Amino acid sequence: MGFSLATTFQILLPGMLIHALIWNALHPNMHGLPDVPITVGAPSFVMAGLRKTWYFRWLYQNHEGHHVVGGQGNYNVACPLTDHLCGTYVKQSEWRPRQDATLKELERKKSWSETKGSAEELAAPFDTQMAPVMNNGAGALNPSAVA
């Protein structure tokens, strides 16, 4: 295409930074992990406001699918369009029934309030990964609360 090395970096580096900022604001929070400080990488606080948007709800649901299909699809947390382009996107209508069936079976076997083991230990016999968990700490978001 005739791009110089300098032009290539001028295009790629800002895109990579934006991706890192979105990823660090959303992905750790989806799994109940602490925010990323600036001393470690692209800081979470820069894009943390996205956690309260329809965009985050959409990304969160897409990421649930990634876990339900055992990490075999819906790879890109911050830019799911990439999954569409690479053919790795799994529709919610395909993975949601599997998640619902797994959760119903878990509830049938043992009430969540009586659970002694972790959710991962309970899910292990059903050959599926648990969906991501939301951080319940300060400033955290309950995904069902997003309209």
C-alpha atoms as a PDB file:
ATOM      1  CA  MET A   1       0.000   0.000   0.000  1.00  0.00           C
ATOM      2  CA  GLY A   2       3.019   2.239   0.126  1.00  0.00           C
ATOM      3  CA  PHE A   3       2.852   3.331   3.791  1.00  0.00           C
ATOM      4  CA  SER A   4       6.134   4.364   5.351  1.00  0.00           C
ATOM      5  CA  LEU A   5       7.163   2.900   8.691  1.00  0.00           C
ATOM      6  CA  ALA A   6       6.431   6.236  10.385  1.00  0.00           C
ATOM      7  CA  THR A   7       2.926   6.394   8.861  1.00  0.00           C
ATOM      8  CA  THR A   8       2.256   2.795   9.868  1.00  0.00           C
ATOM      9  CA  PHE A   9       3.149   3.587  13.489  1.00  0.00           C
ATOM     10  CA  GLN A  10       1.058   6.776  13.390  1.00  0.00           C
ATOM     11  CA  ILE A  11      -1.943   4.633  12.435  1.00  0.00           C
ATOM     12  CA  LEU A  12      -1.312   1.576  14.606  1.00  0.00           C
ATOM     13  CA  LEU A  13      -0.120   3.058  17.900  1.00  0.00           C
ATOM     14  CA  PRO A  14      -3.184   5.244  18.613  1.00  0.00           C
ATOM     15  CA  GLY A  15      -5.448   2.291  17.746  1.00  0.00           C
ATOM     16  CA  MET A  16      -3.507   0.018  20.062  1.00  0.00           C
ATOM     17  CA  LEU A  17      -3.672   2.589  22.857  1.00  0.00           C
ATOM     18  CA  ILE A  18      -7.437   3.026  22.463  1.00  0.00           C
ATOM     19  CA  HIS A  19      -7.892  -0.758  22.510  1.00  0.00           C
ATOM     20  CA  ALA A  20      -5.745  -1.053  25.663  1.00  0.00           C
ATOM     21  CA  LEU A  21      -7.685   1.725  27.398  1.00  0.00           C
ATOM     22  CA  ILE A  22     -11.048   0.116  26.596  1.00  0.00           C
ATOM     23  CA  TRP A  23      -9.793  -3.376  27.501  1.00  0.00           C
ATOM     24  CA  ASN A  24      -8.340  -2.242  30.835  1.00  0.00           C
ATOM     25  CA  ALA A  25     -11.467  -0.289  31.731  1.00  0.00           C
ATOM     26  CA  LEU A  26     -13.860  -3.151  30.943  1.00  0.00           C
ATOM     27  CA  HIS A  27     -12.262  -6.597  31.068  1.00  0.00           C
ATOM     28  CA  PRO A  28     -10.814  -6.624  34.608  1.00  0.00           C
ATOM     29  CA  ASN A  29     -14.107  -5.186  35.882  1.00  0.00           C
ATOM     30  CA  MET A  30     -16.053  -7.941  34.091  1.00  0.00           C
ATOM     31  CA  HIS A  31     -14.145 -10.512  36.125  1.00  0.00           C
ATOM     32  CA  GLY A  32     -14.250  -8.685  39.463  1.00  0.00           C
ATOM     33  CA  LEU A  33     -10.592  -7.660  39.291  1.00  0.00           C
ATOM     34  CA  PRO A  34      -9.202  -4.296  40.431  1.00  0.00           C
ATOM     35  CA  ASP A  35      -8.691  -1.410  38.032  1.00  0.00           C
ATOM     36  CA  VAL A  36      -5.368  -1.219  36.205  1.00  0.00           C
ATOM     37  CA  PRO A  37      -3.192   1.611  37.591  1.00  0.00           C
ATOM     38  CA  ILE A  38      -1.117   3.837  35.329  1.00  0.00           C
ATOM     39  CA  THR A  39       2.050   2.317  36.823  1.00  0.00           C
ATOM     40  CA  VAL A  40       1.148  -1.042  35.277  1.00  0.00           C
ATOM     41  CA  GLY A  41      -0.362  -0.146  31.916  1.00  0.00           C
ATOM     42  CA  ALA A  42      -3.076   1.841  30.181  1.00  0.00           C
ATOM     43  CA  PRO A  43      -5.064   3.039  33.222  1.00  0.00           C
ATOM     44  CA  SER A  44      -8.636   1.876  33.733  1.00  0.00           C
ATOM     45  CA  PHE A  45      -9.912   5.249  34.938  1.00  0.00           C
ATOM     46  CA  VAL A  46      -9.564   6.863  31.485  1.00  0.00           C
ATOM     47  CA  MET A  47     -12.469   4.892  29.986  1.00  0.00           C
ATOM     48  CA  ALA A  48     -14.157   3.661  33.187  1.00  0.00           C
ATOM     49  CA  GLY A  49     -17.210   5.770  32.298  1.00  0.00           C
ATOM     50  CA  LEU A  50     -18.004   3.198  29.584  1.00  0.00           C
ATOM     51  CA  ARG A  51     -19.029   0.752  32.312  1.00  0.00           C
ATOM     52  CA  LYS A  52     -22.381   2.511  32.641  1.00  0.00           C
ATOM     53  CA  THR A  53     -23.349   2.463  28.956  1.00  0.00           C
ATOM     54  CA  TRP A  54     -25.306   0.259  26.561  1.00  0.00           C
ATOM     55  CA  TYR A  55     -21.972  -0.321  24.815  1.00  0.00           C
ATOM     56  CA  PHE A  56     -20.555  -2.019  27.919  1.00  0.00           C
ATOM     57  CA  ARG A  57     -23.694  -4.146  28.328  1.00  0.00           C
ATOM     58  CA  TRP A  58     -23.315  -5.299  24.726  1.00  0.00           C
ATOM     59  CA  LEU A  59     -19.605  -6.076  25.193  1.00  0.00           C
ATOM     60  CA  TYR A  60     -20.327  -7.867  28.470  1.00  0.00           C
ATOM     61  CA  GLN A  61     -22.962 -10.108  26.869  1.00  0.00           C
ATOM     62  CA  ASN A  62     -20.620 -10.882  23.989  1.00  0.00           C
ATOM     63  CA  HIS A  63     -17.898 -11.782  26.496  1.00  0.00           C
ATOM     64  CA  GLU A  64     -20.277 -14.089  28.374  1.00  0.00           C
ATOM     65  CA  GLY A  65     -20.536 -16.076  25.153  1.00  0.00           C
ATOM     66  CA  HIS A  66     -16.742 -16.359  25.011  1.00  0.00           C
ATOM     67  CA  HIS A  67     -16.785 -18.179  28.345  1.00  0.00           C
ATOM     68  CA  VAL A  68     -19.861 -20.290  27.655  1.00  0.00           C
ATOM     69  CA  VAL A  69     -18.339 -21.713  24.452  1.00  0.00           C
ATOM     70  CA  GLY A  70     -15.176 -22.617  26.348  1.00  0.00           C
ATOM     71  CA  GLY A  71     -13.074 -19.794  24.955  1.00  0.00           C
ATOM     72  CA  GLN A  72     -13.638 -20.999  21.372  1.00  0.00           C
ATOM     73  CA  GLY A  73     -15.248 -17.820  20.013  1.00  0.00           C
ATOM     74  CA  ASN A  74     -16.125 -14.173  20.751  1.00  0.00           C
ATOM     75  CA  TYR A  75     -12.473 -13.475  21.502  1.00  0.00           C
ATOM     76  CA  ASN A  76     -12.332  -9.704  21.236  1.00  0.00           C
ATOM     77  CA  VAL A  77     -13.677  -7.907  24.320  1.00  0.00           C
ATOM     78  CA  ALA A  78     -13.089  -4.355  23.107  1.00  0.00           C
ATOM     79  CA  CYS A  79     -13.804  -4.751  19.375  1.00  0.00           C
ATOM     80  CA  PRO A  80     -16.174  -7.646  18.589  1.00  0.00           C
ATOM     81  CA  LEU A  81     -16.261  -6.606  14.933  1.00  0.00           C
ATOM     82  CA  THR A  82     -12.955  -8.465  14.649  1.00  0.00           C
ATOM     83  CA  ASP A  83     -14.753 -11.715  15.521  1.00  0.00           C
ATOM     84  CA  HIS A  84     -17.238 -11.050  12.715  1.00  0.00           C
ATOM     85  CA  LEU A  85     -14.399 -10.428  10.241  1.00  0.00           C
ATOM     86  CA  CYS A  86     -12.438 -13.518  11.334  1.00  0.00           C
ATOM     87  CA  GLY A  87     -15.451 -15.834  11.515  1.00  0.00           C
ATOM     88  CA  THR A  88     -15.115 -16.440  15.265  1.00  0.00           C
ATOM     89  CA  TYR A  89     -18.326 -14.674  16.328  1.00  0.00           C
ATOM     90  CA  VAL A  90     -20.884 -16.890  18.091  1.00  0.00           C
ATOM     91  CA  LYS A  91     -24.440 -15.524  18.218  1.00  0.00           C
ATOM     92  CA  GLN A  92     -26.096 -15.153  21.599  1.00  0.00           C
ATOM     93  CA  SER A  93     -28.959 -17.325  20.323  1.00  0.00           C
ATOM     94  CA  GLU A  94     -26.427 -20.177  19.958  1.00  0.00           C
ATOM     95  CA  TRP A  95     -24.630 -19.931  23.308  1.00  0.00           C
ATOM     96  CA  ARG A  96     -27.332 -18.619  25.679  1.00  0.00           C
ATOM     97  CA  PRO A  97     -29.331 -21.912  25.758  1.00  0.00           C
ATOM     98  CA  ARG A  98     -26.177 -23.773  26.790  1.00  0.00           C
ATOM     99  CA  GLN A  99     -25.546 -21.300  29.614  1.00  0.00           C
ATOM    100  CA  ASP A 100     -29.174 -21.451  30.756  1.00  0.00           C
ATOM    101  CA  ALA A 101     -29.141 -25.264  30.770  1.00  0.00           C
ATOM    102  CA  THR A 102     -25.911 -25.322  32.786  1.00  0.00           C
ATOM    103  CA  LEU A 103     -27.257 -22.865  35.355  1.00  0.00           C
ATOM    104  CA  LYS A 104     -30.533 -24.797  35.708  1.00  0.00           C
ATOM    105  CA  GLU A 105     -28.617 -28.013  36.296  1.00  0.00           C
ATOM    106  CA  LEU A 106     -26.410 -26.328  38.898  1.00  0.00           C
ATOM    107  CA  GLU A 107     -29.461 -24.967  40.699  1.00  0.00           C
ATOM    108  CA  ARG A 108     -31.134 -28.374  40.607  1.00  0.00           C
ATOM    109  CA  LYS A 109     -28.116 -30.121  42.119  1.00  0.00           C
ATOM    110  CA  LYS A 110     -27.361 -27.586  44.801  1.00  0.00           C
ATOM    111  CA  SER A 111     -28.869 -24.299  45.837  1.00  0.00           C
ATOM    112  CA  TRP A 112     -26.504 -21.348  45.381  1.00  0.00           C
ATOM    113  CA  SER A 113     -27.101 -20.308  48.994  1.00  0.00           C
ATOM    114  CA  GLU A 114     -25.890 -23.714  50.227  1.00  0.00           C
ATOM    115  CA  THR A 115     -22.825 -23.830  47.987  1.00  0.00           C
ATOM    116  CA  LYS A 116     -19.609 -24.676  49.788  1.00  0.00           C
ATOM    117  CA  GLY A 117     -17.379 -24.687  46.692  1.00  0.00           C
ATOM    118  CA  SER A 118     -16.681 -21.990  44.145  1.00  0.00           C
ATOM    119  CA  ALA A 119     -18.828 -21.470  41.056  1.00  0.00           C
ATOM    120  CA  GLU A 120     -15.954 -22.798  38.937  1.00  0.00           C
ATOM    121  CA  GLU A 121     -15.803 -26.020  40.979  1.00  0.00           C
ATOM    122  CA  LEU A 122     -19.531 -26.514  40.574  1.00  0.00           C
ATOM    123  CA  ALA A 123     -19.426 -25.864  36.824  1.00  0.00           C
ATOM    124  CA  ALA A 124     -16.479 -28.193  36.161  1.00  0.00           C
ATOM    125  CA  PRO A 125     -18.579 -31.375  35.712  1.00  0.00           C
ATOM    126  CA  PHE A 126     -20.707 -29.635  33.080  1.00  0.00           C
ATOM    127  CA  ASP A 127     -17.775 -28.944  30.720  1.00  0.00           C
ATOM    128  CA  THR A 128     -18.384 -25.204  30.464  1.00  0.00           C
ATOM    129  CA  GLN A 129     -16.615 -22.167  31.772  1.00  0.00           C
ATOM    130  CA  MET A 130     -18.521 -19.802  33.997  1.00  0.00           C
ATOM    131  CA  ALA A 131     -19.538 -16.479  32.525  1.00  0.00           C
ATOM    132  CA  PRO A 132     -17.608 -13.454  33.716  1.00  0.00           C
ATOM    133  CA  VAL A 133     -18.488 -11.949  37.070  1.00  0.00           C
ATOM    134  CA  MET A 134     -19.058  -8.281  37.648  1.00  0.00           C
ATOM    135  CA  ASN A 135     -17.043  -6.415  40.235  1.00  0.00           C
ATOM    136  CA  ASN A 136     -19.318  -5.648  43.179  1.00  0.00           C
ATOM    137  CA  GLY A 137     -16.949  -3.059  44.617  1.00  0.00           C
ATOM    138  CA  ALA A 138     -17.232   0.717  44.590  1.00  0.00           C
ATOM    139  CA  GLY A 139     -18.261   2.080  41.228  1.00  0.00           C
ATOM    140  CA  ALA A 140     -19.031  -1.370  39.901  1.00  0.00           C
ATOM    141  CA  LEU A 141     -21.892  -2.106  37.592  1.00  0.00           C
ATOM    142  CA  ASN A 142     -24.604  -4.692  37.707  1.00  0.00           C
ATOM    143  CA  PRO A 143     -24.953  -5.530  33.990  1.00  0.00           C
ATOM    144  CA  SER A 144     -28.709  -6.015  34.257  1.00  0.00           C
ATOM    145  CA  ALA A 145     -29.058  -2.442  35.501  1.00  0.00           C
ATOM    146  CA  VAL A 146     -27.926  -0.985  32.174  1.00  0.00           C
ATOM    147  CA  ALA A 147     -30.800  -0.014  29.923  1.00  0.00           C
END
